[in-house]
Amino acid sequence: MRRRPEASTVVVAAMIVLGGAGAAYGQSLTPFRNEAQAQRYCPGDVVVWLDFAKGIYYAKSQKRYGRGFEGSFVCRAEARSSGYRRSLLGLR
């Protein structure tokens, strides 16, 4: 006799297939190890430091720009379209 899957299992599987649970961010990011690489990739955009753990990005004028182990340099437009928000820490 074959067991029927539970309702919660079916709902979670449907969400993954439809993209509701798996796609939290819209566009994929192109992370870079240093600022110069990112600037060459997006010459018409501002380069920001993206903190993956916190889900925020820092501008060059902010203290935490380029710091931390869980981050990377990316184009600001890509960060915004992927759902990351700017940090208000240190802005004047």
Protein backbone atom coordinates (compact mmCIF):
# COMPACT_ATOMS: atom_id res chain seq x y z
CA MET A 1 0.00 0.00 0.00
CA ARG A 2 1.31 3.45 -0.93
CA ARG A 3 1.10 6.36 1.53
CA ARG A 4 -0.28 9.70 0.47
CA PRO A 5 1.90 12.75 1.23
CA GLU A 6 0.75 15.09 3.97
CA ALA A 7 -0.91 18.36 2.98
CA SER A 8 1.93 20.50 4.36
CA THR A 9 4.48 18.61 2.27
CA VAL A 10 2.42 19.18 -0.86
CA VAL A 11 2.07 22.92 -0.13
CA VAL A 12 5.82 23.38 0.46
CA ALA A 13 6.66 21.46 -2.71
CA ALA A 14 4.22 23.61 -4.71
CA MET A 15 5.75 26.82 -3.34
CA ILE A 16 9.24 25.71 -4.34
CA VAL A 17 8.14 24.71 -7.83
CA LEU A 18 6.26 27.98 -8.34
CA GLY A 19 9.18 30.03 -7.01
CA GLY A 20 7.46 31.46 -3.95
CA ALA A 21 9.93 30.03 -1.43
CA GLY A 22 13.07 29.76 -3.51
CA ALA A 23 13.25 33.16 -5.17
CA ALA A 24 13.56 35.76 -2.44
CA TYR A 25 15.46 38.19 -4.66
CA GLY A 26 14.67 39.27 -8.20
CA GLN A 27 17.96 39.55 -10.04
CA SER A 28 21.19 37.67 -9.60
CA LEU A 29 24.19 39.58 -8.30
CA THR A 30 27.68 39.76 -9.75
CA PRO A 31 29.96 40.05 -6.70
CA PHE A 32 33.58 41.20 -6.96
CA ARG A 33 36.56 40.93 -4.62
CA ASN A 34 37.77 44.48 -5.14
CA GLU A 35 36.26 47.82 -6.03
CA ALA A 36 38.13 48.28 -9.32
CA GLN A 37 36.70 45.05 -10.78
CA ALA A 38 33.17 46.11 -9.86
CA GLN A 39 33.66 49.58 -11.36
CA ARG A 40 34.86 48.07 -14.66
CA TYR A 41 31.76 45.85 -14.72
CA CYS A 42 29.34 48.73 -14.12
CA PRO A 43 30.99 51.96 -15.33
CA GLY A 44 27.79 54.03 -15.23
CA ASP A 45 26.74 52.94 -11.75
CA VAL A 46 27.95 53.42 -8.18
CA VAL A 47 29.85 50.57 -6.53
CA VAL A 48 28.64 49.60 -3.05
CA TRP A 49 29.72 47.09 -0.40
CA LEU A 50 27.04 44.46 0.07
CA ASP A 51 26.79 42.73 3.44
CA PHE A 52 25.15 39.38 2.66
CA ALA A 53 24.51 38.47 6.30
CA LYS A 54 22.61 41.68 7.10
CA GLY A 55 20.99 42.20 3.70
CA ILE A 56 22.15 45.80 3.39
CA TYR A 57 24.71 47.75 1.37
CA TYR A 58 27.09 50.56 2.28
CA ALA A 59 28.18 53.54 0.17
CA LYS A 60 31.83 54.53 -0.16
CA SER A 61 31.44 57.38 2.33
CA GLN A 62 30.26 55.04 5.10
CA LYS A 63 32.57 53.55 7.72
CA ARG A 64 31.69 49.90 7.02
CA TYR A 65 32.32 50.14 3.26
CA GLY A 66 34.62 47.31 2.21
CA ARG A 67 34.71 45.71 5.67
CA GLY A 68 33.57 42.33 6.84
CA PHE A 69 33.95 38.75 5.74
CA GLU A 70 30.39 38.19 4.55
CA GLY A 71 30.31 40.78 1.79
CA SER A 72 31.39 41.81 -1.66
CA PHE A 73 31.53 44.79 -4.02
CA VAL A 74 28.53 45.04 -6.35
CA CYS A 75 26.76 47.60 -8.53
CA ARG A 76 24.14 49.60 -6.63
CA ALA A 77 21.45 48.95 -9.25
CA GLU A 78 21.93 45.18 -8.93
CA ALA A 79 21.80 45.39 -5.13
CA ARG A 80 18.58 47.40 -5.19
CA SER A 81 16.86 45.20 -7.76
CA SER A 82 17.83 42.11 -5.76
CA GLY A 83 16.00 43.36 -2.70
CA TYR A 84 18.90 44.67 -0.61
CA ARG A 85 18.40 47.97 1.20
CA ARG A 86 20.85 50.76 1.93
CA SER A 87 22.32 51.23 5.35
CA LEU A 88 21.49 54.46 7.11
CA LEU A 89 24.45 54.05 9.45
CA GLY A 90 26.90 56.93 9.07
CA LEU A 91 24.93 58.95 6.53
CA ARG A 92 24.86 62.73 6.93
